[in-house]
Protein backbone atom coordinates (compact mmCIF):
# COMPACT_ATOMS: atom_id res chain seq x y z
CA MET A 1 -0.92 28.51 -5.59
CA LYS A 2 0.20 27.11 -2.38
CA LYS A 3 2.42 24.25 -2.62
CA GLN A 4 1.36 20.78 -1.39
CA THR A 5 3.17 18.99 1.62
CA TYR A 6 3.04 15.54 0.97
CA VAL A 7 3.04 12.77 3.98
CA ALA A 8 4.43 9.79 3.23
CA PHE A 9 3.67 6.44 5.03
CA THR A 10 3.74 2.66 4.68
CA ALA A 11 0.23 0.87 5.01
CA GLN A 12 -1.27 -2.73 4.44
CA LEU A 13 -4.44 -3.53 1.96
CA HIS A 14 -7.18 -4.63 3.94
CA GLN A 15 -10.42 -5.94 2.67
CA PHE A 16 -14.08 -5.66 4.14
CA GLU A 17 -15.78 -8.71 4.92
CA GLU A 18 -19.60 -8.01 5.29
CA LYS A 19 -19.96 -4.09 5.87
CA GLY A 20 -23.28 -3.00 4.25
CA GLU A 21 -22.30 -1.11 0.86
CA LYS A 22 -18.73 -1.62 1.68
CA THR A 23 -18.72 -5.17 1.37
CA GLY A 24 -15.63 -6.53 -0.61
CA TRP A 25 -13.97 -3.04 -0.76
CA THR A 26 -10.19 -3.34 -0.61
CA TYR A 27 -8.73 -0.22 1.22
CA LEU A 28 -5.94 1.01 3.25
CA ILE A 29 -5.91 2.90 6.59
CA VAL A 30 -4.95 6.65 6.94
CA PRO A 31 -3.91 6.85 10.66
CA ALA A 32 -5.75 9.80 12.43
CA SER A 33 -2.51 11.39 13.24
CA ILE A 34 -1.55 11.54 8.96
CA ALA A 35 -4.92 12.59 8.47
CA GLU A 36 -4.40 15.32 10.85
CA GLU A 37 -1.19 16.52 9.04
CA ILE A 38 -3.08 16.61 5.88
CA LYS A 39 -6.09 18.57 6.93
CA PRO A 40 -5.75 19.43 10.61
CA GLY A 41 -9.25 19.18 12.52
CA THR A 42 -11.27 17.38 10.01
CA LYS A 43 -13.69 14.67 10.68
CA LYS A 44 -15.50 14.68 7.17
CA SER A 45 -14.41 12.89 4.12
CA PHE A 46 -11.91 14.75 1.91
CA ARG A 47 -10.08 14.39 -1.14
CA VAL A 48 -6.33 13.58 -1.48
CA GLN A 49 -3.54 13.50 -4.42
CA GLY A 50 -0.18 11.67 -4.73
CA THR A 51 1.28 8.49 -5.19
CA LEU A 52 0.72 4.54 -4.07
CA ASP A 53 3.90 3.01 -4.91
CA LYS A 54 4.40 4.78 -7.95
CA TYR A 55 1.01 4.76 -8.88
CA ALA A 56 -0.62 8.25 -9.33
CA ILE A 57 -4.04 9.23 -7.57
CA LYS A 58 -5.93 12.60 -7.84
CA THR A 59 -9.27 13.39 -6.64
CA VAL A 60 -9.45 10.07 -4.34
CA ALA A 61 -11.78 10.45 -1.24
CA LEU A 62 -10.55 9.70 2.33
CA LEU A 63 -13.73 8.11 4.19
CA PRO A 64 -13.72 8.80 8.10
CA MET A 65 -14.13 5.54 10.04
CA GLY A 66 -15.22 7.09 13.24
CA ASN A 67 -12.48 6.30 15.48
CA GLY A 68 -10.40 9.23 13.81
CA ASP A 69 -9.08 7.30 11.18
CA PHE A 70 -9.72 7.28 7.58
CA ILE A 71 -10.18 4.70 4.66
CA LEU A 72 -8.58 5.15 1.53
CA PRO A 73 -11.01 2.87 -1.09
CA PHE A 74 -8.20 0.89 -2.90
CA ASN A 75 -10.32 0.37 -6.50
CA LYS A 76 -9.59 -1.93 -9.35
CA GLU A 77 -7.46 0.58 -11.33
CA MET A 78 -5.30 0.99 -8.10
CA ARG A 79 -5.06 -2.76 -7.60
CA GLN A 80 -4.02 -3.14 -11.40
CA GLY A 81 -1.74 0.32 -11.38
CA THR A 82 0.06 -1.44 -8.38
CA ARG A 83 -0.17 -4.95 -8.59
CA LYS A 84 -0.96 -5.19 -5.03
CA LYS A 85 -4.15 -6.62 -3.40
CA LYS A 86 -5.65 -7.67 0.43
CA GLY A 87 -2.54 -7.87 3.01
CA ALA A 88 0.13 -6.58 0.53
CA MET A 89 2.15 -3.36 2.00
CA ILE A 90 2.30 -0.40 -0.19
CA ALA A 91 4.00 2.98 0.00
CA VAL A 92 1.89 6.06 0.27
CA SER A 93 2.58 9.76 -0.44
CA ILE A 94 -0.23 11.79 -0.31
CA ALA A 95 -1.61 15.54 0.08
CA LEU A 96 -4.75 17.27 0.14
CA ASP A 97 -6.42 17.82 -2.99
CA THR A 98 -7.90 21.03 -3.66
CA ASP A 99 -8.21 20.94 -7.45
CA ASP A 100 -11.73 20.94 -9.08
CA ILE A 101 -12.68 18.30 -11.54
CA ALA A 102 -13.55 19.62 -14.58
CA LEU A 103 -17.08 18.99 -16.07
CA PRO A 104 -17.12 16.23 -18.85
CA ASN A 105 -17.79 17.39 -22.40
CA GLY A 106 -21.56 17.84 -22.77
CA PHE A 107 -22.46 17.69 -19.13
CA ALA A 108 -22.40 21.47 -18.70
CA GLU A 109 -24.18 21.99 -22.00
CA CYS A 110 -26.64 19.88 -20.84
CA LEU A 111 -27.11 21.29 -17.21
CA ALA A 112 -27.52 24.73 -18.89
CA ASP A 113 -30.44 23.11 -21.01
CA GLU A 114 -31.94 21.80 -17.72
CA PRO A 115 -31.90 24.91 -15.02
CA ALA A 116 -33.63 22.74 -12.53
CA ALA A 117 -31.05 20.01 -12.64
CA LYS A 118 -28.31 22.61 -12.74
CA LYS A 119 -29.56 24.43 -9.55
CA PHE A 120 -29.89 20.74 -7.72
CA PHE A 121 -26.57 19.96 -8.81
CA GLU A 122 -24.74 23.17 -7.73
CA ASP A 123 -26.52 22.99 -4.54
CA MET A 124 -25.00 19.51 -3.41
CA ARG A 125 -21.61 19.46 -1.76
CA LEU A 126 -18.44 19.28 -3.95
CA SER A 127 -18.10 15.49 -2.99
CA HIS A 128 -21.39 14.80 -4.06
CA ARG A 129 -20.74 16.30 -7.45
CA ASN A 130 -17.68 14.77 -7.85
CA TYR A 131 -19.46 11.20 -7.72
CA PHE A 132 -21.43 12.15 -10.70
CA ILE A 133 -18.70 13.69 -12.58
CA LYS A 134 -15.98 10.52 -11.69
CA TRP A 135 -18.99 8.22 -12.85
CA ILE A 136 -19.48 9.83 -16.41
CA LEU A 137 -15.76 9.80 -16.75
CA GLY A 138 -15.18 6.15 -15.91
CA VAL A 139 -16.19 5.00 -19.50
CA LYS A 140 -14.12 5.38 -22.23
CA THR A 141 -16.60 6.13 -25.40
CA GLU A 142 -18.41 9.05 -26.01
CA ALA A 143 -21.53 7.32 -26.98
CA ALA A 144 -21.16 5.58 -23.10
CA GLN A 145 -20.61 9.00 -21.44
CA ALA A 146 -23.55 10.62 -23.25
CA LYS A 147 -25.81 7.75 -22.21
CA ARG A 148 -24.33 8.48 -18.38
CA ILE A 149 -25.13 12.17 -18.71
CA ALA A 150 -28.72 11.56 -19.50
CA MET A 151 -28.97 9.37 -16.77
CA VAL A 152 -27.35 11.86 -14.21
CA ILE A 153 -29.67 14.56 -16.14
CA ASN A 154 -32.63 12.78 -15.48
CA ALA A 155 -31.47 11.94 -11.75
CA LEU A 156 -30.87 15.68 -10.93
CA LEU A 157 -34.19 16.40 -12.28
CA ARG A 158 -35.61 13.91 -9.71
CA LYS A 159 -33.59 15.15 -7.08
CA GLN A 160 -31.78 12.27 -6.81
CA ASP A 161 -28.35 11.92 -5.27
CA PHE A 162 -25.92 9.91 -6.74
CA ILE A 163 -26.17 6.34 -4.61
CA THR A 164 -30.32 7.14 -5.26
CA MET A 165 -29.68 6.90 -9.01
CA ILE A 166 -27.53 3.94 -9.02
CA ARG A 167 -30.18 2.17 -7.01
CA ALA A 168 -33.12 3.32 -9.24
CA ASN A 169 -31.28 2.18 -12.48
CA LYS A 170 -30.61 -1.14 -11.28
CA LYS A 171 -34.07 -1.79 -10.41
CA GLU A 172 -35.04 -0.96 -14.27
C-alpha cells in the first residue's frame, strides 16, 4: 500500500450567502496549488483524508470551484469537533483518500435482492455511490438505517440519483 503524502496549510472558514443548494454552507478553500500537490491535473471532485486542527476526517470530497481552487465543505460534525465556525482560522493537513467506503450492514443484501437497483448503483460514479452510503451511515440506530436503506433501494429502482431521491422524499 502506497504511503499517503499529506499537505499542510492554514485556511479561513467561510460561509456561502446565496449560492443555490450551497446556501449557508460553511467551507474552507483549498487553493489550486495545494489541490495540485494532492491530485495532480484534476479538475473534478475527489476525496481526501487527514485532520482539521486535531479533528480527523476521512472520505471528505473536495469540490471544484471553476477557477482551479476547491472547497472542502465544513459540516456540523466538523464544526463541533473543532469548535470552529465562520471566520476562524484552521490548521489543515490532507492527503488523497483512496480507501473504499464499506457498504452499511444490510445494504449489500438488499442490493443482492434487487438486481436492477444493484446494477444502477454499481454503474454510478464512486462519489455518487458514496453519497448514498454516507447518508445511510449518518444515523445511529439500526431502525433509522433500515428506513434509509429502503428509501435508497426504492430510489435506485426508480433510477434516481441522491439529490433526486432527497427532493422526492421532501415532497412526500
